[in-house]
N, C-alpha and C. Protein backbone atom coordinates (compact mmCIF):
# COMPACT_ATOMS: atom_id res chain seq x y z
N UNK A 1 87.17 149.59 97.78
CA UNK A 1 87.81 148.94 98.17
C UNK A 1 87.62 147.41 97.34
N UNK A 2 88.33 146.33 96.84
CA UNK A 2 87.79 145.59 96.29
C UNK A 2 88.04 144.11 97.16
N UNK A 3 87.17 143.22 96.92
CA UNK A 3 86.91 142.30 97.74
C UNK A 3 88.44 141.42 97.82
N UNK A 4 88.55 140.47 99.01
CA UNK A 4 89.62 139.73 99.00
C UNK A 4 89.43 138.39 98.33
N UNK A 5 90.08 137.87 97.41
CA UNK A 5 89.65 136.75 96.44
C UNK A 5 88.88 135.84 96.63
N UNK A 6 88.97 135.24 97.97
CA UNK A 6 88.04 134.17 98.71
C UNK A 6 86.75 134.76 98.65
N UNK A 7 86.60 136.00 98.84
CA UNK A 7 84.85 136.49 98.43
C UNK A 7 84.18 136.85 97.21
N UNK A 8 85.25 137.12 96.35
CA UNK A 8 84.97 137.19 95.04
C UNK A 8 83.79 136.25 94.45
N UNK A 9 82.75 136.77 94.19
CA UNK A 9 81.83 136.10 93.48
C UNK A 9 81.28 136.96 92.24
N UNK A 10 80.80 135.46 91.17
CA UNK A 10 80.40 136.19 90.22
C UNK A 10 78.93 135.89 89.67
N UNK A 11 77.78 136.92 89.34
CA UNK A 11 76.47 136.80 89.88
C UNK A 11 76.52 136.68 87.93
N UNK A 12 75.59 135.61 87.82
CA UNK A 12 74.94 135.03 86.83
C UNK A 12 73.50 135.03 86.63
N UNK A 13 73.01 135.54 85.69
CA UNK A 13 71.86 135.35 85.26
C UNK A 13 71.19 134.15 84.23
N UNK A 14 70.49 133.41 84.73
CA UNK A 14 70.25 132.03 83.88
C UNK A 14 68.75 132.16 83.23
N UNK A 15 68.71 131.32 82.07
CA UNK A 15 67.57 131.77 81.76
C UNK A 15 65.96 132.14 82.19
N UNK A 16 66.09 131.59 83.62
CA UNK A 16 64.64 131.89 84.16
C UNK A 16 64.81 133.13 85.03
N UNK A 17 65.83 134.11 84.54
CA UNK A 17 66.52 135.40 85.33
C UNK A 17 66.41 134.97 86.79
N UNK A 18 66.67 134.06 87.35
CA UNK A 18 67.23 133.56 88.66
C UNK A 18 68.85 133.83 88.60
N UNK A 19 69.34 134.40 89.69
CA UNK A 19 70.53 134.63 89.98
C UNK A 19 71.34 133.75 90.93
N UNK A 20 72.37 133.06 90.30
CA UNK A 20 73.04 131.88 91.35
C UNK A 20 74.57 132.80 91.80
N UNK A 21 75.14 132.50 92.38
CA UNK A 21 76.36 132.83 92.91
C UNK A 21 77.30 131.69 92.44
N UNK A 22 78.68 132.17 91.95
CA UNK A 22 79.54 131.32 91.39
C UNK A 22 80.93 131.41 91.71
N UNK A 23 81.45 130.85 92.44
CA UNK A 23 82.48 131.05 93.38
C UNK A 23 83.97 131.43 92.04
N UNK A 24 85.16 132.28 92.34
CA UNK A 24 86.05 131.75 91.22
C UNK A 24 87.02 130.83 91.86
N UNK A 25 87.75 129.88 91.06
CA UNK A 25 88.63 129.29 92.00
C UNK A 25 89.99 129.27 91.42
N UNK A 26 90.90 129.64 92.07
CA UNK A 26 92.48 129.63 91.35
C UNK A 26 92.70 128.46 90.67
N UNK A 27 93.46 128.97 89.83
CA UNK A 27 93.65 127.79 89.01
C UNK A 27 95.19 127.18 89.39
N UNK A 28 95.41 125.98 89.31
CA UNK A 28 96.54 125.17 90.06
C UNK A 28 97.27 125.23 89.10
N UNK A 29 98.96 125.79 89.50
CA UNK A 29 99.66 125.26 88.27
C UNK A 29 100.21 124.17 88.06
N UNK A 30 100.83 123.99 86.25
CA UNK A 30 100.89 122.98 86.04
C UNK A 30 101.79 122.00 86.74
N UNK A 31 102.90 122.68 88.02
CA UNK A 31 103.64 121.83 88.48
C UNK A 31 103.01 120.71 89.08
N UNK A 32 102.16 121.29 89.76
CA UNK A 32 101.11 120.20 91.08
C UNK A 32 100.75 119.02 89.86
N UNK A 33 100.87 118.03 90.76
CA UNK A 33 101.05 116.88 90.15
C UNK A 33 100.39 115.74 91.01
N UNK A 34 99.20 114.87 90.44
CA UNK A 34 98.13 114.59 91.22
C UNK A 34 98.67 112.84 90.90
N UNK A 35 98.18 111.97 91.16
CA UNK A 35 98.34 110.50 91.10
C UNK A 35 97.91 109.83 92.08
N UNK A 36 96.35 109.07 91.49
CA UNK A 36 95.72 107.97 92.60
C UNK A 36 96.79 107.02 92.78
N UNK A 37 97.19 106.09 91.62
CA UNK A 37 97.89 104.94 91.26
C UNK A 37 99.47 105.16 92.29
N UNK A 38 100.32 106.18 92.18
CA UNK A 38 101.19 106.65 93.05
C UNK A 38 101.09 106.65 94.55
N UNK A 39 99.64 106.97 95.15
CA UNK A 39 99.34 107.06 96.20
C UNK A 39 99.23 106.09 96.75
N UNK A 40 98.44 104.90 95.99
CA UNK A 40 97.85 103.74 96.45
C UNK A 40 99.59 102.95 96.78
N UNK A 41 100.20 103.15 95.63
CA UNK A 41 101.97 102.54 95.86
C UNK A 41 102.24 103.16 97.12
N UNK A 42 102.29 104.05 97.43
CA UNK A 42 102.82 104.89 98.89
C UNK A 42 102.24 103.84 100.06
N UNK A 43 101.12 104.16 99.94
CA UNK A 43 100.22 103.24 100.90
C UNK A 43 100.53 101.72 101.28
N UNK A 44 100.98 101.30 99.79
CA UNK A 44 101.61 99.78 100.44
C UNK A 44 102.75 99.47 100.94
N UNK A 45 103.57 100.67 101.00
CA UNK A 45 104.42 100.16 101.58
C UNK A 45 104.72 100.38 103.33
N UNK A 46 105.55 99.99 103.72
CA UNK A 46 105.90 99.80 105.06
C UNK A 46 106.02 101.33 105.74
N UNK A 47 105.85 101.76 106.84
CA UNK A 47 106.37 102.65 107.60
C UNK A 47 107.61 103.74 107.25
N UNK A 48 107.80 104.69 107.05
CA UNK A 48 109.17 105.20 106.76
C UNK A 48 109.85 105.63 108.07
N UNK A 49 109.39 105.86 109.15
CA UNK A 49 109.65 106.50 110.18
C UNK A 49 110.07 105.42 111.57
N UNK A 50 109.02 104.11 111.76
CA UNK A 50 108.81 103.15 112.58
C UNK A 50 109.08 101.81 111.90
N UNK A 51 109.21 101.51 110.76
CA UNK A 51 109.08 100.34 110.16
C UNK A 51 107.48 99.42 110.02
N UNK A 52 106.57 99.94 110.46
CA UNK A 52 105.30 99.52 110.71
C UNK A 52 104.79 98.99 109.66
N UNK A 53 104.05 97.45 109.40
CA UNK A 53 103.41 97.04 108.06
C UNK A 53 102.13 98.04 107.87
N UNK A 54 101.68 97.89 106.94
CA UNK A 54 100.58 98.79 106.45
C UNK A 54 99.21 98.51 107.52
N UNK A 55 98.28 99.39 107.28
CA UNK A 55 97.88 100.53 106.20
C UNK A 55 98.59 101.71 106.91
N UNK A 56 98.92 102.06 105.63
CA UNK A 56 99.99 103.63 105.82
C UNK A 56 99.50 104.73 105.05
N UNK A 57 99.66 105.67 105.46
CA UNK A 57 98.82 106.95 104.83
C UNK A 57 99.96 107.79 104.15
N UNK A 58 99.57 108.34 103.09
CA UNK A 58 100.81 108.90 102.57
C UNK A 58 101.02 110.60 102.47
N UNK A 59 101.95 110.68 103.63
CA UNK A 59 102.33 111.74 104.05
C UNK A 59 103.29 112.94 102.72
N UNK A 60 102.29 113.83 102.79
CA UNK A 60 103.11 115.10 101.62
C UNK A 60 104.10 115.71 102.74
N UNK A 61 105.06 115.64 102.06
CA UNK A 61 106.28 116.48 102.71
C UNK A 61 106.03 117.68 102.09
N UNK A 62 106.12 119.10 103.05
CA UNK A 62 105.77 120.21 102.87
C UNK A 62 106.74 121.02 102.52
N UNK A 63 107.92 120.79 103.24
CA UNK A 63 109.01 121.70 103.39
C UNK A 63 109.79 121.74 102.14
N UNK A 64 110.43 122.67 101.79
CA UNK A 64 110.99 122.35 100.57
C UNK A 64 110.67 121.76 98.93
N UNK A 65 109.42 121.71 99.06
CA UNK A 65 108.75 121.10 97.83
C UNK A 65 107.88 122.29 97.12
N UNK A 66 106.99 122.19 96.42
CA UNK A 66 106.25 122.98 95.65
C UNK A 66 105.29 123.19 96.39
N UNK A 67 104.81 122.75 97.72
CA UNK A 67 103.36 123.11 98.59
C UNK A 67 104.06 124.65 98.99
N UNK A 68 102.40 125.11 99.45
CA UNK A 68 102.56 126.48 99.56
C UNK A 68 101.49 126.91 100.58
N UNK A 69 101.76 127.41 101.77
CA UNK A 69 100.80 127.59 102.78
C UNK A 69 99.96 126.56 103.04
N UNK A 70 98.47 126.76 102.78
CA UNK A 70 97.81 125.67 103.10
C UNK A 70 97.41 124.78 101.67
N UNK A 71 98.50 124.83 100.79
CA UNK A 71 98.31 124.39 99.45
C UNK A 71 99.62 122.81 99.65
N UNK A 72 99.02 121.74 99.57
CA UNK A 72 99.04 120.52 99.20
C UNK A 72 100.22 120.47 98.30
N UNK A 73 101.29 119.73 98.38
CA UNK A 73 102.44 119.32 97.10
C UNK A 73 101.76 118.59 96.65
N UNK A 74 102.61 118.50 95.34
CA UNK A 74 102.31 117.59 94.66
C UNK A 74 102.27 116.04 95.09
N UNK A 75 101.88 114.96 94.37
CA UNK A 75 101.96 113.73 94.90
C UNK A 75 103.23 113.05 94.88
N UNK A 76 103.93 113.58 93.85
CA UNK A 76 105.65 113.53 94.15
C UNK A 76 106.31 112.97 95.26
N UNK A 77 106.03 114.09 96.12
CA UNK A 77 106.31 114.35 97.47
C UNK A 77 105.82 113.95 98.53
N UNK A 78 105.86 112.38 98.62
CA UNK A 78 104.75 111.68 99.83
C UNK A 78 105.74 110.76 100.09
N UNK A 79 105.61 110.32 101.37
CA UNK A 79 106.63 109.70 102.20
C UNK A 79 104.90 108.60 102.72
N UNK A 80 105.67 106.97 102.94
CA UNK A 80 104.48 106.17 103.51
C UNK A 80 104.68 106.42 105.36
N UNK A 81 103.76 107.00 105.82
CA UNK A 81 103.43 106.88 107.48
C UNK A 81 102.54 105.97 107.92
N UNK A 82 102.64 105.26 109.40
CA UNK A 82 101.56 104.93 109.57
C UNK A 82 101.05 105.99 110.12
N UNK A 83 99.47 105.81 110.43
CA UNK A 83 98.84 106.79 111.41
C UNK A 83 99.30 107.38 112.50
N UNK A 84 99.81 106.53 113.07
CA UNK A 84 100.62 107.01 114.70
C UNK A 84 101.78 108.29 113.91
N UNK A 85 102.59 107.85 113.53
CA UNK A 85 103.68 108.52 112.84
C UNK A 85 103.36 109.59 112.22
N UNK A 86 102.47 109.69 111.45
CA UNK A 86 101.60 110.42 110.55
C UNK A 86 101.50 112.08 111.15
N UNK A 87 100.55 111.36 112.72
CA UNK A 87 99.77 112.23 113.47
C UNK A 87 101.45 113.00 114.53
N UNK A 88 102.43 112.02 114.84
CA UNK A 88 103.37 113.03 115.38
C UNK A 88 104.07 113.83 114.65
N UNK A 89 104.63 113.56 113.11
CA UNK A 89 104.96 114.45 112.34
C UNK A 89 104.37 115.84 112.34
N UNK A 90 102.93 115.96 111.97
CA UNK A 90 101.94 116.84 112.16
C UNK A 90 102.18 117.99 113.33
N UNK A 91 102.00 117.04 114.64
CA UNK A 91 102.33 117.81 116.27
C UNK A 91 103.46 118.54 116.38
N UNK A 92 104.78 117.83 115.96
CA UNK A 92 106.51 117.94 116.27
C UNK A 92 106.68 118.85 114.87
N UNK A 93 106.17 119.06 113.86
CA UNK A 93 106.69 119.27 112.64
C UNK A 93 108.00 118.45 111.63
N UNK A 94 107.82 119.20 110.60
CA UNK A 94 108.83 118.07 109.85
C UNK A 94 110.27 118.16 110.31
N UNK A 95 110.62 119.34 110.40
CA UNK A 95 112.42 119.65 110.64
C UNK A 95 112.70 118.49 112.06
N UNK A 96 111.63 118.57 112.82
CA UNK A 96 112.34 117.63 114.18
C UNK A 96 112.15 116.05 114.06
N UNK A 97 110.78 116.08 112.97
CA UNK A 97 110.31 114.36 113.20
C UNK A 97 111.56 113.38 111.89
N UNK A 98 111.58 114.24 110.71
CA UNK A 98 112.66 113.48 109.51
C UNK A 98 114.12 113.60 110.41
N UNK A 99 114.51 112.06 110.48
CA UNK A 99 115.96 111.87 110.42
C UNK A 99 116.80 111.85 109.42
N UNK A 100 116.08 111.76 108.11
CA UNK A 100 116.72 111.47 106.72
C UNK A 100 116.05 113.07 105.69
N UNK A 101 116.72 112.73 104.75
CA UNK A 101 116.13 113.94 103.96
C UNK A 101 114.51 113.87 103.02
N UNK A 102 113.53 113.67 103.85
CA UNK A 102 112.45 113.33 103.14
C UNK A 102 112.00 113.75 102.14
N UNK A 103 112.90 114.82 101.28
CA UNK A 103 112.26 115.15 99.41
C UNK A 103 112.92 114.21 98.76
N UNK A 104 114.32 113.45 99.42
CA UNK A 104 114.90 112.73 98.87
C UNK A 104 114.74 111.36 98.71
N UNK A 105 114.02 111.51 99.55
CA UNK A 105 113.31 109.84 99.76
C UNK A 105 111.94 109.98 99.05
N UNK A 106 111.10 110.95 98.91
CA UNK A 106 110.00 110.74 98.24
C UNK A 106 110.44 110.89 97.15
N UNK A 107 111.20 111.25 96.06
CA UNK A 107 111.61 111.52 94.95
C UNK A 107 112.13 110.01 94.75
N UNK A 108 113.00 109.33 95.56
CA UNK A 108 113.11 107.88 95.31
C UNK A 108 112.10 107.17 94.64
N UNK A 109 111.29 107.08 95.95
CA UNK A 109 109.72 106.43 95.78
C UNK A 109 109.26 106.50 94.80
N UNK A 110 109.00 107.78 94.06
CA UNK A 110 108.49 108.60 92.89
C UNK A 110 108.63 107.76 91.85
N UNK A 111 110.41 107.79 92.06
CA UNK A 111 111.13 107.25 91.07
C UNK A 111 110.92 105.56 90.34
N UNK A 112 110.32 104.55 91.62
CA UNK A 112 110.48 103.37 91.53
C UNK A 112 108.80 103.40 91.37
N UNK A 113 107.82 104.19 91.53
CA UNK A 113 106.61 103.85 91.31
C UNK A 113 105.91 103.35 89.91
N UNK A 114 104.93 102.54 90.25
CA UNK A 114 104.22 101.86 89.09
C UNK A 114 103.30 102.80 87.94
N UNK A 115 103.12 103.93 88.55
CA UNK A 115 103.10 105.06 87.67
C UNK A 115 103.77 105.43 86.98
N UNK A 116 103.54 105.53 85.22
CA UNK A 116 104.51 106.23 84.47
C UNK A 116 104.91 107.78 84.68
N UNK A 117 103.66 108.47 84.67
CA UNK A 117 103.48 109.91 84.99
C UNK A 117 104.35 110.22 85.90
N UNK A 118 104.16 109.41 87.31
CA UNK A 118 104.91 109.90 88.50
C UNK A 118 106.30 109.77 88.33
N UNK A 119 106.55 108.49 87.71
CA UNK A 119 108.14 108.37 87.40
C UNK A 119 109.01 109.48 86.58
N UNK A 120 108.19 110.11 85.65
CA UNK A 120 108.93 110.88 84.70
C UNK A 120 108.83 112.43 85.36
N UNK A 121 107.82 112.58 86.56
CA UNK A 121 107.80 113.77 87.28
C UNK A 121 108.72 113.82 88.02
N UNK A 122 108.98 112.91 88.71
CA UNK A 122 109.90 112.71 89.87
C UNK A 122 111.31 112.66 89.13
N UNK A 123 111.52 111.92 87.86
CA UNK A 123 112.95 112.15 86.99
C UNK A 123 112.92 113.41 87.11
N UNK A 124 112.02 114.27 86.46
CA UNK A 124 112.59 115.77 86.20
C UNK A 124 112.43 116.76 87.06
N UNK A 125 112.26 116.28 88.34
CA UNK A 125 112.83 117.08 89.94
C UNK A 125 113.54 116.77 90.01
N UNK A 126 114.11 115.59 90.11
CA UNK A 126 115.64 115.12 90.62
C UNK A 126 116.61 115.66 89.70
N UNK A 127 116.55 115.67 88.34
CA UNK A 127 117.32 116.56 87.64
C UNK A 127 117.11 118.17 88.12
N UNK A 128 116.31 118.38 88.10
CA UNK A 128 115.85 119.96 88.62
C UNK A 128 116.81 120.30 89.98
N UNK A 129 116.84 119.45 90.83
CA UNK A 129 117.03 119.82 91.92
C UNK A 129 118.54 119.27 92.22
N UNK A 130 118.98 117.83 91.91
CA UNK A 130 120.37 117.27 91.98
C UNK A 130 121.29 117.44 90.99
N UNK A 131 121.03 117.86 89.71
CA UNK A 131 121.55 118.23 88.41
C UNK A 131 121.80 116.51 87.51
């Protein structure tokens, strides 16, 4: 019986005949986009839920995005939330928390980001979703 993916390891002999373990890592799809510049921009904005001024956290929207299970979605799908609202969002769940469409708001923020890569990724995603 094969081992689950998380438990698979590869044994490697190095020059001194010692054996070390190396874990296999799943490659991330090209669709997952990471941008520190965009996250800094999102954190500098007011809270999207209560309007409180910073410091805010970049809250990733999971429902209806490219995130899956325990995998964080692309940074394009982030909204600014104060720490209190971010905790409430995780406590009660996204559908109950958001009064607006969080994906559309996140894409709107990403299209106004100072990071050019984020703007182009958000534009492509917006075209794909809304035509």
